Amino acid sequence: GALQWSCKHGCGLKCSGAQLAAHHVVCPARPMKCPICLDLVAPSNLLQHFNDKGHEMTNTGKLSDDVCQVSGRWNYKGYCRQAKGSSLAVCLQGWGADDLFFLRIRHCEDQPSVMITAFHGRSPHHCRVTFGNSTETCMTFRIASRPWHEYQSGRFKAAESGTGLTFCADSAGLLCGSDGEVKLSLEVLR
């Protein structure tokens, strides 16, 4: 038979060299950049990395066996003044040690828009994102999480808008409280 090679990321897969090159691009054990410090971290070590580095992570609130939720506040007015235009709004642990989710909010470089993207460390999930300070004034979106290795920082260009949910930045501004903050909620659905 053909010579078999083991995956260099330690996931246990053995296959031919040609298949292995394609596998390395999508391997679930492949190290990815930490969205906070940009260190390379294997998904199975992500939670330990966050703890070791003291990265802020919001603990999950399990609503049921099928839904994890976290709430936070997004300083919209302060965020609009940031030169880099990217903000990690929330991070939560799902149902396992390497099952972490990040919600990234980015401003557009060339038009007044905001893009929301949810990223997963292990497997894709549907997410419900709600912005607003009350039930009367809120926006709720349902988005699919994207693989963590697709994570980008900084402002985005209009041509990238298909990589997340994009909406007019002024819409988010309408949801601000008097303190310039917008309450947000991320629900990850199993």
Protein backbone atom coordinates (compact mmCIF):
# COMPACT_ATOMS: atom_id res chain seq x y z
CA GLY A 1 0.00 0.00 0.00
CA ALA A 2 0.86 3.66 -0.14
CA LEU A 3 3.08 5.18 2.51
CA GLN A 4 1.03 6.69 5.35
CA TRP A 5 2.01 9.84 7.24
CA SER A 6 0.75 11.08 10.61
CA CYS A 7 -0.71 14.55 11.01
CA LYS A 8 1.90 16.90 12.46
CA HIS A 9 -0.73 18.50 14.71
CA GLY A 10 -1.34 15.27 16.63
CA CYS A 11 -4.98 14.71 15.71
CA GLY A 12 -4.30 11.04 14.96
CA LEU A 13 -5.04 11.06 11.22
CA LYS A 14 -2.77 8.98 8.97
CA CYS A 15 -2.95 9.35 5.20
CA SER A 16 -0.91 9.80 2.03
CA GLY A 17 1.31 12.85 1.61
CA ALA A 18 -1.02 14.52 -0.92
CA GLN A 19 -4.05 14.04 1.36
CA LEU A 20 -2.06 15.20 4.39
CA ALA A 21 -1.23 18.60 2.85
CA ALA A 22 -4.96 19.26 2.28
CA HIS A 23 -5.80 17.97 5.78
CA HIS A 24 -3.32 20.33 7.51
CA VAL A 25 -5.34 23.33 6.26
CA VAL A 26 -8.54 22.13 7.99
CA CYS A 27 -7.16 20.01 10.85
CA PRO A 28 -9.15 20.68 14.04
CA ALA A 29 -5.93 20.38 16.09
CA ARG A 30 -4.01 22.93 14.00
CA PRO A 31 -2.55 25.78 16.08
CA MET A 32 -4.20 29.15 15.56
CA LYS A 33 -3.41 32.70 16.64
CA CYS A 34 -4.81 33.78 19.97
CA PRO A 35 -7.11 36.76 19.26
CA ILE A 36 -5.70 38.60 22.27
CA CYS A 37 -1.90 38.14 22.18
CA LEU A 38 -1.46 36.43 18.77
CA ASP A 39 0.50 33.48 20.25
CA LEU A 40 0.03 30.21 18.35
CA VAL A 41 -2.18 27.91 20.42
CA ALA A 42 -3.63 24.46 19.75
CA PRO A 43 -7.43 24.45 20.21
CA SER A 44 -7.10 21.82 22.94
CA ASN A 45 -4.84 24.21 24.92
CA LEU A 46 -6.89 27.35 24.39
CA LEU A 47 -8.59 27.48 27.78
CA GLN A 48 -5.27 26.84 29.57
CA HIS A 49 -3.64 29.54 27.42
CA PHE A 50 -6.32 32.07 28.44
CA ASN A 51 -5.82 31.16 32.10
CA ASP A 52 -1.99 31.24 31.91
CA LYS A 53 -1.91 34.61 30.13
CA GLY A 54 -4.65 36.18 32.23
CA HIS A 55 -6.81 36.91 29.18
CA GLU A 56 -10.29 38.03 30.06
CA MET A 57 -12.97 35.49 29.30
CA THR A 58 -16.56 35.62 30.33
CA ASN A 59 -17.70 32.39 31.87
CA THR A 60 -20.57 30.75 30.14
CA GLY A 61 -24.10 30.75 31.43
CA LYS A 62 -25.72 27.54 30.30
CA LEU A 63 -29.40 28.19 29.66
CA SER A 64 -29.90 24.51 28.82
CA ASP A 65 -27.96 21.55 27.46
CA ASP A 66 -28.39 23.13 24.03
CA VAL A 67 -27.75 26.85 24.64
CA CYS A 68 -24.84 28.76 26.21
CA GLN A 69 -25.23 32.48 26.74
CA VAL A 70 -23.04 35.36 27.81
CA SER A 71 -23.89 39.03 28.17
CA GLY A 72 -21.58 41.98 28.10
CA ARG A 73 -21.32 45.65 27.27
CA TRP A 74 -19.78 47.18 24.18
CA ASN A 75 -18.43 50.69 24.61
CA TYR A 76 -19.70 51.91 21.25
CA LYS A 77 -18.64 55.55 21.62
CA GLY A 78 -15.13 54.64 22.80
CA TYR A 79 -14.91 51.95 20.17
CA CYS A 80 -15.69 54.40 17.36
CA ARG A 81 -12.66 56.48 18.41
CA GLN A 82 -10.22 53.53 18.38
CA ALA A 83 -7.68 53.79 15.61
CA LYS A 84 -7.40 50.05 15.08
CA GLY A 85 -11.17 49.64 14.80
CA SER A 86 -11.45 46.13 16.17
CA SER A 87 -12.81 45.01 19.49
CA LEU A 88 -13.16 41.62 21.10
CA ALA A 89 -16.58 42.03 22.61
CA VAL A 90 -17.08 38.68 24.33
CA CYS A 91 -15.45 35.29 24.68
CA LEU A 92 -17.13 32.30 26.25
CA GLN A 93 -16.50 28.65 26.92
CA GLY A 94 -19.04 26.27 25.44
CA TRP A 95 -19.47 22.62 26.27
CA GLY A 96 -15.81 21.51 26.43
CA ALA A 97 -12.33 22.75 27.31
CA ASP A 98 -11.49 23.58 23.69
CA ASP A 99 -15.01 24.74 22.79
CA LEU A 100 -14.47 28.50 22.99
CA PHE A 101 -16.30 31.18 21.06
CA PHE A 102 -15.26 34.74 20.25
CA LEU A 103 -17.51 37.51 19.06
CA ARG A 104 -15.55 40.10 17.08
CA ILE A 105 -16.88 43.53 16.17
CA ARG A 106 -14.98 45.47 13.49
CA HIS A 107 -15.52 48.84 11.81
CA CYS A 108 -15.28 49.22 8.05
CA GLU A 109 -12.28 51.06 6.62
CA ASP A 110 -14.13 52.64 3.70
CA GLN A 111 -17.77 53.08 4.75
CA PRO A 112 -19.76 53.64 7.99
CA SER A 113 -20.47 49.97 8.76
CA VAL A 114 -19.88 47.48 11.52
CA MET A 115 -19.26 43.76 11.01
CA ILE A 116 -20.01 41.10 13.60
CA THR A 117 -18.37 37.71 13.29
CA ALA A 118 -18.54 34.77 15.69
CA PHE A 119 -15.59 32.37 15.72
CA HIS A 120 -15.39 28.84 17.10
CA GLY A 121 -12.38 26.95 18.37
CA ARG A 122 -13.60 23.42 17.72
CA SER A 123 -16.85 23.07 15.78
CA PRO A 124 -19.32 25.41 14.08
CA HIS A 125 -22.51 26.49 15.80
CA HIS A 126 -25.35 28.84 15.09
CA CYS A 127 -25.23 31.93 17.28
CA ARG A 128 -27.83 34.50 18.22
CA VAL A 129 -26.43 37.98 18.85
CA THR A 130 -28.62 40.66 20.44
CA PHE A 131 -27.67 44.32 20.76
CA GLY A 132 -29.73 46.71 22.87
CA ASN A 133 -30.33 48.13 26.31
CA SER A 134 -33.98 47.10 26.56
CA THR A 135 -36.42 44.71 24.94
CA GLU A 136 -38.06 47.64 23.12
CA THR A 137 -34.88 48.84 21.43
CA CYS A 138 -32.77 45.91 20.32
CA MET A 139 -31.54 44.10 17.22
CA THR A 140 -31.16 40.33 17.11
CA PHE A 141 -29.22 38.46 14.45
CA ARG A 142 -28.62 34.78 13.86
CA ILE A 143 -25.20 33.97 12.41
CA ALA A 144 -23.10 30.86 11.89
CA SER A 145 -19.73 30.78 13.64
CA ARG A 146 -16.63 30.68 11.49
CA PRO A 147 -13.40 28.74 12.11
CA TRP A 148 -11.02 30.50 14.46
CA HIS A 149 -8.21 30.46 11.87
CA GLU A 150 -10.28 32.92 9.75
CA TYR A 151 -10.02 35.52 12.53
CA GLN A 152 -8.85 38.96 11.37
CA SER A 153 -8.07 42.05 13.43
CA GLY A 154 -8.23 45.71 12.52
CA ARG A 155 -10.73 47.43 10.29
CA PHE A 156 -12.29 45.57 7.38
CA LYS A 157 -12.73 46.62 3.76
CA ALA A 158 -16.22 46.69 2.21
CA ALA A 159 -15.22 43.79 -0.08
CA GLU A 160 -14.81 41.58 3.04
CA SER A 161 -18.37 42.17 4.25
CA GLY A 162 -19.44 38.63 3.28
CA THR A 163 -17.28 37.18 6.07
CA GLY A 164 -19.64 38.35 8.81
CA LEU A 165 -22.89 40.16 9.48
CA THR A 166 -22.54 43.77 8.33
CA PHE A 167 -24.85 46.63 9.23
CA CYS A 168 -24.83 50.43 9.40
CA ALA A 169 -22.75 51.71 12.34
CA ASP A 170 -25.40 54.35 13.08
CA SER A 171 -27.88 51.55 13.83
CA ALA A 172 -25.68 50.39 16.71
CA GLY A 173 -25.31 53.99 17.84
CA LEU A 174 -29.10 54.25 18.22
CA LEU A 175 -28.99 51.41 20.76
CA CYS A 176 -26.51 53.17 23.08
CA GLY A 177 -27.42 53.98 26.61
CA SER A 178 -26.59 57.37 28.11
CA ASP A 179 -23.14 55.98 29.02
CA GLY A 180 -22.33 55.30 25.36
CA GLU A 181 -22.47 51.54 25.86
CA VAL A 182 -24.59 48.94 24.13
CA LYS A 183 -25.63 45.80 25.96
CA LEU A 184 -24.98 42.68 23.94
CA SER A 185 -25.80 39.04 24.35
CA LEU A 186 -24.25 36.07 22.57
CA GLU A 187 -26.13 32.79 22.60
CA VAL A 188 -24.40 29.75 21.12
CA LEU A 189 -26.88 27.09 20.01
CA ARG A 190 -25.88 23.45 20.03
